[in-house]
Protein backbone atom coordinates (compact mmCIF):
# COMPACT_ATOMS: atom_id res chain seq x y z
CA MET A 1 67.92 -72.97 63.61
CA MET A 2 68.18 -74.30 60.05
CA LYS A 3 64.53 -72.72 59.36
CA PHE A 4 65.85 -69.43 60.18
CA LEU A 5 69.40 -69.99 57.75
CA LYS A 6 66.84 -70.41 54.43
CA ALA A 7 64.83 -67.73 55.40
CA LEU A 8 67.73 -65.40 55.72
CA SER A 9 69.68 -67.16 52.81
CA VAL A 10 65.89 -66.46 50.53
CA PHE A 11 65.03 -62.87 51.80
CA ALA A 12 68.81 -62.24 51.98
CA GLY A 13 69.03 -63.83 48.65
CA THR A 14 66.91 -62.15 46.24
CA ILE A 15 67.84 -58.18 47.90
CA ILE A 16 71.41 -59.40 47.19
CA GLY A 17 70.83 -58.98 43.36
CA VAL A 18 70.99 -57.25 40.62
CA GLY A 19 71.38 -53.64 41.93
CA ILE A 20 74.92 -54.58 43.33
CA PHE A 21 76.56 -54.29 39.81
CA GLY A 22 74.87 -50.72 39.18
CA LEU A 23 76.45 -49.34 42.48
CA PRO A 24 79.88 -48.74 41.22
CA TYR A 25 79.51 -47.49 38.38
CA VAL A 26 76.54 -44.94 40.24
CA ALA A 27 79.26 -44.44 43.59
CA LEU A 28 81.95 -43.04 40.25
CA LYS A 29 79.89 -40.73 38.99
CA ALA A 30 78.73 -39.26 42.44
CA GLY A 31 80.98 -40.37 44.78
CA PHE A 32 82.12 -42.96 47.00
CA TRP A 33 80.56 -41.02 50.03
CA VAL A 34 77.52 -40.17 48.57
CA VAL A 35 76.52 -43.84 47.63
CA VAL A 36 77.40 -44.55 51.26
CA LEU A 37 75.56 -41.32 53.32
CA TYR A 38 73.10 -43.21 50.65
CA PHE A 39 73.13 -46.37 52.55
CA LEU A 40 73.67 -45.20 55.70
CA PHE A 41 70.10 -43.27 55.84
CA LEU A 42 67.84 -45.91 53.24
CA VAL A 43 69.16 -48.55 55.28
CA GLY A 44 66.77 -47.82 58.22
CA VAL A 45 63.87 -46.58 55.50
CA ALA A 46 64.26 -49.55 54.25
CA ILE A 47 64.18 -51.81 57.55
CA ALA A 48 60.86 -49.92 58.89
CA ILE A 49 59.28 -50.36 55.53
CA HIS A 50 59.65 -53.78 55.97
CA LEU A 51 58.51 -54.51 59.38
CA MET A 52 55.63 -52.34 58.43
CA TYR A 53 54.88 -54.88 56.17
CA GLY A 54 56.27 -57.80 58.20
CA GLU A 55 53.12 -56.79 60.70
CA VAL A 56 50.91 -56.46 58.57
CA SER A 57 51.63 -59.70 56.69
CA LEU A 58 51.30 -61.70 59.72
CA GLY A 59 48.15 -60.08 60.72
CA CYS A 60 46.63 -60.81 57.29
CA LYS A 61 43.52 -63.43 57.67
CA ALA A 62 44.54 -65.33 54.63
CA LEU A 63 47.45 -66.30 52.10
CA HIS A 64 47.93 -62.80 50.43
CA ARG A 65 50.96 -60.89 48.58
CA LEU A 66 50.66 -56.70 49.25
CA PRO A 67 47.44 -56.49 46.69
CA GLY A 68 45.57 -58.71 48.48
CA ALA A 69 47.00 -57.32 51.87
CA VAL A 70 45.95 -53.52 50.71
CA GLU A 71 42.18 -55.12 49.64
CA GLU A 72 42.11 -56.48 53.31
CA TYR A 73 43.01 -53.14 54.73
CA MET A 74 41.95 -50.74 52.47
CA GLY A 75 39.48 -51.87 49.81
CA LYS A 76 39.33 -52.82 46.18
CA ARG A 77 40.42 -49.43 44.17
CA TRP A 78 43.33 -49.25 45.86
CA LYS A 79 43.86 -53.20 45.58
CA ASN A 80 44.00 -52.64 41.96
CA PHE A 81 46.57 -49.78 41.83
CA THR A 82 49.22 -51.48 44.20
CA PHE A 83 48.64 -54.59 41.62
CA LEU A 84 49.44 -51.95 39.56
CA ILE A 85 52.05 -50.70 41.04
CA THR A 86 53.45 -54.11 41.74
CA SER A 87 53.53 -55.76 38.72
CA LEU A 88 55.81 -53.53 37.16
CA GLY A 89 58.04 -53.28 39.92
CA LEU A 90 58.52 -57.31 40.42
CA THR A 91 58.45 -56.93 35.56
CA GLY A 92 61.42 -54.91 35.79
CA ALA A 93 63.32 -56.39 38.46
CA ILE A 94 63.22 -59.72 36.75
CA LEU A 95 63.84 -57.68 33.67
CA ALA A 96 67.25 -56.24 34.70
CA TYR A 97 68.32 -60.08 36.22
CA LEU A 98 67.55 -61.65 32.57
CA ILE A 99 69.22 -58.83 30.96
CA VAL A 100 72.39 -58.92 33.38
CA GLY A 101 72.77 -62.87 33.87
CA GLY A 102 72.27 -63.18 30.31
CA ARG A 103 75.28 -61.23 29.91
CA PHE A 104 77.35 -63.07 32.12
CA LEU A 105 76.09 -65.90 31.28
CA THR A 106 77.27 -65.61 28.01
CA SER A 107 80.51 -64.28 28.96
CA PHE A 108 81.25 -67.31 31.28
CA PHE A 109 80.61 -70.55 29.14
CA SER A 110 80.98 -68.40 24.96
CA PRO A 111 84.95 -68.85 25.32
CA TYR A 112 84.04 -72.69 25.25
CA PHE A 113 80.80 -73.74 23.81
CA GLY A 114 80.39 -71.00 21.25
CA GLY A 115 77.09 -70.44 20.78
CA SER A 116 74.60 -66.50 20.30
CA ALA A 117 74.08 -63.99 23.31
CA LEU A 118 70.59 -64.84 22.90
CA ALA A 119 71.11 -68.35 23.20
CA TYR A 120 72.65 -68.00 26.98
CA THR A 121 69.79 -65.69 27.70
CA LEU A 122 67.22 -68.23 26.87
CA PHE A 123 69.22 -70.66 28.37
CA PHE A 124 68.77 -68.82 31.71
CA TRP A 125 65.56 -67.53 31.32
CA ALA A 126 64.13 -71.30 30.74
CA LEU A 127 66.50 -73.20 33.95
CA GLY A 128 64.98 -70.15 36.46
CA THR A 129 61.21 -70.59 34.74
CA PHE A 130 61.81 -74.57 35.64
CA PHE A 131 62.54 -73.76 39.31
CA ILE A 132 60.04 -71.30 40.02
CA PHE A 133 57.21 -73.96 38.65
CA ARG A 134 58.58 -76.27 41.49
CA GLY A 135 57.93 -73.44 43.73
CA ILE A 136 59.24 -72.19 47.42
CA LYS A 137 60.53 -75.74 48.60
CA SER A 138 63.10 -76.50 45.94
CA ILE A 139 64.00 -72.29 45.76
CA SER A 140 64.31 -72.31 48.67
CA LEU A 141 67.35 -74.92 49.38
CA ILE A 142 68.72 -73.42 46.10
CA GLU A 143 69.12 -70.19 48.02
CA PHE A 144 70.59 -71.64 50.87
CA LEU A 145 73.62 -73.06 48.90
CA LEU A 146 73.92 -70.64 46.40
CA LEU A 147 74.52 -67.69 49.20
CA LEU A 148 77.19 -69.37 50.81
CA LEU A 149 78.57 -70.43 46.90
CA PHE A 150 78.31 -66.21 46.20
CA LEU A 151 79.60 -64.89 49.98
CA GLY A 152 82.57 -67.05 49.50
CA ILE A 153 83.29 -65.85 45.57
CA LEU A 154 82.96 -62.18 47.01
CA VAL A 155 85.43 -62.69 49.31
CA ILE A 156 88.37 -64.71 46.87
CA PHE A 157 87.59 -61.77 44.61
CA SER A 158 88.00 -59.02 47.54
CA VAL A 159 91.44 -60.95 48.50
CA LYS A 160 92.15 -60.62 44.84
CA ALA A 161 91.64 -57.47 44.15
CA PHE A 162 92.82 -55.93 47.43
CA PRO A 163 96.35 -55.19 46.45
CA PHE A 164 95.08 -52.77 43.33
CA ILE A 165 92.82 -50.61 45.56
CA ASN A 166 94.01 -46.72 45.51
CA VAL A 167 92.40 -44.50 47.87
CA GLU A 168 92.71 -41.78 45.17
CA ASN A 169 89.56 -43.76 43.28
CA PHE A 170 87.15 -42.45 46.93
CA LYS A 171 88.15 -38.70 46.44
CA ASN A 172 85.88 -37.62 43.60
CA VAL A 173 82.51 -35.81 44.86
CA ASP A 174 80.22 -34.49 41.52
CA LEU A 175 76.86 -33.19 42.82
CA LYS A 176 75.84 -32.84 38.95
CA PHE A 177 75.31 -36.30 39.56
CA LEU A 178 73.87 -36.37 43.43
CA THR A 179 70.70 -37.58 43.29
CA ILE A 180 71.02 -40.67 40.36
CA PRO A 181 72.36 -43.10 43.02
CA TYR A 182 69.01 -43.25 44.78
CA GLY A 183 67.37 -45.10 42.92
CA VAL A 184 70.09 -47.95 42.57
CA VAL A 185 70.51 -47.71 46.17
CA LEU A 186 66.34 -48.25 46.90
CA PHE A 187 66.37 -50.88 44.34
CA SER A 188 69.01 -52.66 45.81
CA LEU A 189 67.88 -52.56 49.24
CA TRP A 190 64.56 -53.55 48.66
CA GLY A 191 62.88 -56.95 49.69
CA ILE A 192 59.19 -56.08 50.02
CA ASN A 193 57.86 -58.76 48.21
CA MET A 194 59.85 -61.58 49.73
CA VAL A 195 58.40 -60.67 53.06
CA PRO A 196 55.41 -63.00 52.95
CA GLU A 197 57.71 -65.93 51.79
CA THR A 198 59.42 -65.25 54.66
CA LYS A 199 57.02 -65.88 56.78
CA GLU A 200 55.89 -68.90 55.35
CA ILE A 201 59.02 -70.34 55.40
CA LEU A 202 59.32 -69.31 59.62
CA GLY A 203 55.97 -70.43 59.80
CA GLY A 204 54.90 -66.81 60.96
CA ASP A 205 57.01 -66.68 63.97
CA ARG A 206 57.43 -62.53 64.20
CA ARG A 207 60.32 -62.78 66.25
CA ALA A 208 62.05 -64.68 63.93
CA LEU A 209 60.75 -62.86 60.83
CA LYS A 210 62.13 -59.25 62.39
CA ARG A 211 65.31 -60.33 62.82
CA THR A 212 65.56 -62.01 59.80
CA ILE A 213 64.13 -58.95 57.90
CA ILE A 214 66.43 -56.18 60.17
CA SER A 215 69.27 -59.09 59.62
CA GLY A 216 68.72 -59.58 55.64
CA ILE A 217 69.36 -56.08 54.96
CA LEU A 218 71.78 -54.84 56.93
CA LEU A 219 73.86 -58.58 55.36
CA ALA A 220 73.20 -56.91 52.40
CA ALA A 221 74.22 -53.40 52.89
CA LEU A 222 77.31 -55.07 53.84
CA THR A 223 78.11 -56.79 50.94
CA TYR A 224 77.01 -54.04 48.26
CA LEU A 225 79.86 -51.35 50.46
CA VAL A 226 82.29 -54.21 50.09
CA PHE A 227 81.74 -54.63 46.37
CA ILE A 228 81.52 -50.98 45.82
CA TYR A 229 84.78 -50.50 47.66
CA VAL A 230 86.40 -53.44 46.03
CA ILE A 231 85.41 -52.81 42.57
CA LEU A 232 85.86 -49.08 42.56
CA GLY A 233 89.26 -48.93 44.52
CA ALA A 234 90.52 -51.10 41.72
CA SER A 235 89.23 -50.01 38.58
CA GLY A 236 88.50 -46.13 39.12
CA LEU A 237 88.03 -44.48 36.44
CA ASN A 238 87.61 -47.64 34.44
CA THR A 239 84.77 -48.54 36.43
CA SER A 240 81.80 -50.15 33.86
CA LYS A 241 78.20 -50.12 34.09
CA GLU A 242 77.90 -53.59 34.97
CA ALA A 243 81.27 -53.97 37.29
CA ILE A 244 82.69 -56.43 36.26
CA SER A 245 83.81 -56.31 32.70
CA GLY A 246 86.04 -52.79 33.80
CA LEU A 247 88.41 -54.91 36.41
CA ALA A 248 89.78 -56.80 33.30
CA TYR A 249 92.44 -53.58 33.06
CA VAL A 250 93.80 -54.31 36.51
CA LEU A 251 93.11 -57.88 37.02
CA GLY A 252 92.96 -59.95 33.88
CA ASP A 253 90.96 -62.61 32.80
CA GLY A 254 91.04 -64.96 34.99
CA ILE A 255 89.65 -63.30 38.07
CA ILE A 256 87.29 -61.62 35.52
CA ARG A 257 85.86 -64.96 34.67
CA LEU A 258 85.66 -65.53 38.23
CA GLY A 259 83.50 -62.05 38.56
CA PHE A 260 81.13 -63.61 36.16
CA LEU A 261 80.26 -66.50 38.21
CA PHE A 262 79.92 -64.12 40.98
CA GLY A 263 77.27 -62.63 38.07
CA ILE A 264 75.51 -65.36 37.34
CA ILE A 265 75.10 -66.62 41.00
CA THR A 266 73.37 -63.39 41.97
CA CYS A 267 70.63 -62.84 39.02
CA PHE A 268 69.68 -66.09 39.09
CA THR A 269 68.97 -66.34 43.01
CA SER A 270 66.71 -63.31 42.41
CA PHE A 271 65.14 -64.31 38.95
CA LEU A 272 63.73 -67.66 41.07
CA THR A 273 62.35 -65.73 44.01
CA LEU A 274 61.13 -62.79 42.51
CA GLY A 275 59.69 -64.61 39.24
CA LEU A 276 58.07 -66.93 41.85
CA THR A 277 56.59 -63.92 43.78
CA LEU A 278 55.38 -62.44 40.67
CA LYS A 279 53.38 -65.50 40.09
CA LYS A 280 51.79 -65.36 43.15
CA VAL A 281 50.28 -61.95 43.09
CA PHE A 282 48.13 -63.14 40.10
CA TRP A 283 47.61 -66.49 41.93
CA TYR A 284 46.60 -65.33 45.80
CA ASP A 285 45.06 -62.20 44.95
CA PHE A 286 43.75 -61.76 41.26
CA HIS A 287 43.09 -65.27 41.51
CA LEU A 288 44.58 -66.38 38.10
CA SER A 289 44.87 -70.29 38.23
CA SER A 290 48.65 -71.33 39.17
CA HIS A 291 50.00 -72.71 35.48
CA LEU A 292 48.48 -69.33 34.26
CA SER A 293 50.01 -66.89 36.34
CA TRP A 294 53.53 -69.12 36.58
CA PHE A 295 53.19 -68.22 32.48
CA VAL A 296 52.14 -64.36 32.87
CA ALA A 297 54.94 -63.71 35.50
CA CYS A 298 57.89 -65.49 33.37
CA PHE A 299 57.01 -65.00 29.87
CA LEU A 300 56.36 -61.21 30.73
CA PRO A 301 59.97 -60.19 30.91
CA LEU A 302 60.88 -62.04 28.27
CA PHE A 303 58.67 -60.28 25.96
CA LEU A 304 60.40 -56.95 27.42
CA PHE A 305 63.59 -58.57 26.35
CA LEU A 306 63.07 -59.59 23.20
CA ALA A 307 60.91 -56.23 22.58
CA GLY A 308 64.23 -54.73 22.97
CA PHE A 309 63.91 -53.14 26.98
CA ARG A 310 67.72 -54.44 28.13
CA ALA A 311 69.20 -50.98 29.36
CA PHE A 312 69.81 -52.41 32.80
CA ILE A 313 70.62 -49.09 34.79
CA ASP A 314 68.06 -47.64 33.40
CA VAL A 315 65.86 -50.48 34.11
CA ILE A 316 67.16 -50.36 38.02
CA SER A 317 67.42 -47.05 38.38
CA LEU A 318 63.57 -46.00 37.56
CA THR A 319 62.27 -49.15 39.09
CA GLY A 320 63.81 -47.96 42.06
CA ALA A 321 62.81 -44.93 42.71
CA VAL A 322 59.34 -44.81 41.03
CA ALA A 323 57.80 -48.41 41.44
CA VAL A 324 59.41 -48.97 44.66
CA GLY A 325 58.91 -45.25 45.95
CA PHE A 326 55.34 -46.00 45.12
CA MET A 327 55.07 -49.50 47.22
CA GLY A 328 56.52 -47.72 50.11
CA ILE A 329 54.47 -45.08 50.40
CA ILE A 330 51.56 -47.54 50.11
CA ILE A 331 53.00 -49.32 52.79
CA VAL A 332 53.00 -46.79 55.51
CA PHE A 333 49.65 -46.08 55.03
CA LEU A 334 48.49 -49.67 55.01
CA TYR A 335 50.52 -50.06 58.13
CA ARG A 336 48.32 -47.13 59.50
CA GLU A 337 44.06 -48.89 58.52
CA PHE A 338 46.12 -52.70 60.10
CA LEU A 339 47.24 -50.81 63.24
CA LYS A 340 43.30 -48.83 63.36
CA LYS A 341 41.45 -51.80 61.96
CA ARG A 342 43.58 -54.62 63.44
CA LEU A 343 45.02 -53.00 66.77
CA ASN A 344 43.01 -50.43 67.47
CA ARG A 345 45.68 -48.05 67.51
CA LYS A 346 47.12 -44.81 65.73
CA MET A 347 50.35 -45.12 64.20
CA ASN A 348 53.28 -42.52 65.18
CA ARG A 349 52.91 -39.10 63.57
CA LEU A 350 57.07 -39.67 61.85
CA PHE A 351 55.77 -42.17 60.04
CA TYR A 352 54.24 -39.42 57.54
CA ILE A 353 57.78 -38.24 57.00
CA LEU A 354 58.50 -41.72 54.92
CA PRO A 355 55.90 -41.02 51.94
CA VAL A 356 57.35 -37.02 51.71
CA PHE A 357 60.59 -38.48 51.08
CA PHE A 358 59.09 -41.36 48.52
CA ILE A 359 57.58 -38.73 46.08
CA LEU A 360 60.56 -36.38 46.63
CA GLY A 361 62.55 -39.36 45.02
CA ILE A 362 60.34 -40.21 42.68
CA PHE A 363 60.54 -36.41 41.65
CA PHE A 364 64.09 -36.15 41.52
CA GLU A 365 64.29 -39.32 39.38
CA ILE A 366 61.62 -38.84 36.67
CA PHE A 367 63.24 -35.43 36.40
CA TYR A 368 67.35 -37.09 35.96
CA TYR A 369 65.84 -39.59 33.46
CA PHE A 370 63.63 -37.28 31.22
CA ILE A 371 65.27 -33.64 31.61
CA VAL A 372 68.91 -33.99 32.63
CA LYS A 373 69.99 -37.04 31.07
């Protein structure tokens, strides 16, 4: 049981990341019920894709992340493309955690200790980088404890904000922004890179892995919907892009500080596990040394941050729709090849709907970002 809880905490703790802070804002723009419909559909899509990759990961002959699994069943050319997409997706996600985690750390501690926002962001990065260097055993225990603390804070936060919730804030629907929740919602439900990590923690137990994937995604979705309901319901038109600061208008600074702590926990746990995953992509699948893999995985997001890439809504939206979309397409065809070569079976034709869906999502996100915005 303890092994399952550790696996669930790593998997769900990574999924419940910085995406949570963009969800209330896109719900404000498009409408609360529009976002609920996105969740109802995308939860099913996310579970299907994660279970596909779970089966492939269990059947791989060696320790692989997604690029290595693709090489085993689809060849080196597809591996190189997958490596590019995976690296971009993970780097974008880690960058988003660094952006918002640094902001929350600054907001929480600077009134007491002073210091610049850059200094706090660098401290956030350095502490996370240290734990990534230590590896999955230390991270799994940290994730377990922080996930419990995270859920406790969410309960307190919800109770404090509940009296200020106004149901009128849920009635707005704006079709002009109908597509903007897609990338943020998909990003917020995506934990595909943690499937091999979860498999390792569970010792390759197929039933436990399936249960962890389904439970983790459902737990994340439920957490998000509660968070959106509380933030949008209490903040209304004052809902901010990072969700927390907009509540100051109704809850005051005291409870907002709890919100900043909430943000630090969610960003830090995901920064840890995804940083480790990117390290292992370079280490296991491209056979760089462990230390060089760690260096590239941790310093590339920092370089992008220092270069000025700091608009986190844009980062998670594009990462979710484009990088995650391409990963979803790759996994469907990877699963097809796995079934054919390993189990001598054909994939259900209904699964071919998924790549079409992901392609449409990529198109609409790029169209909105470069044409409409």
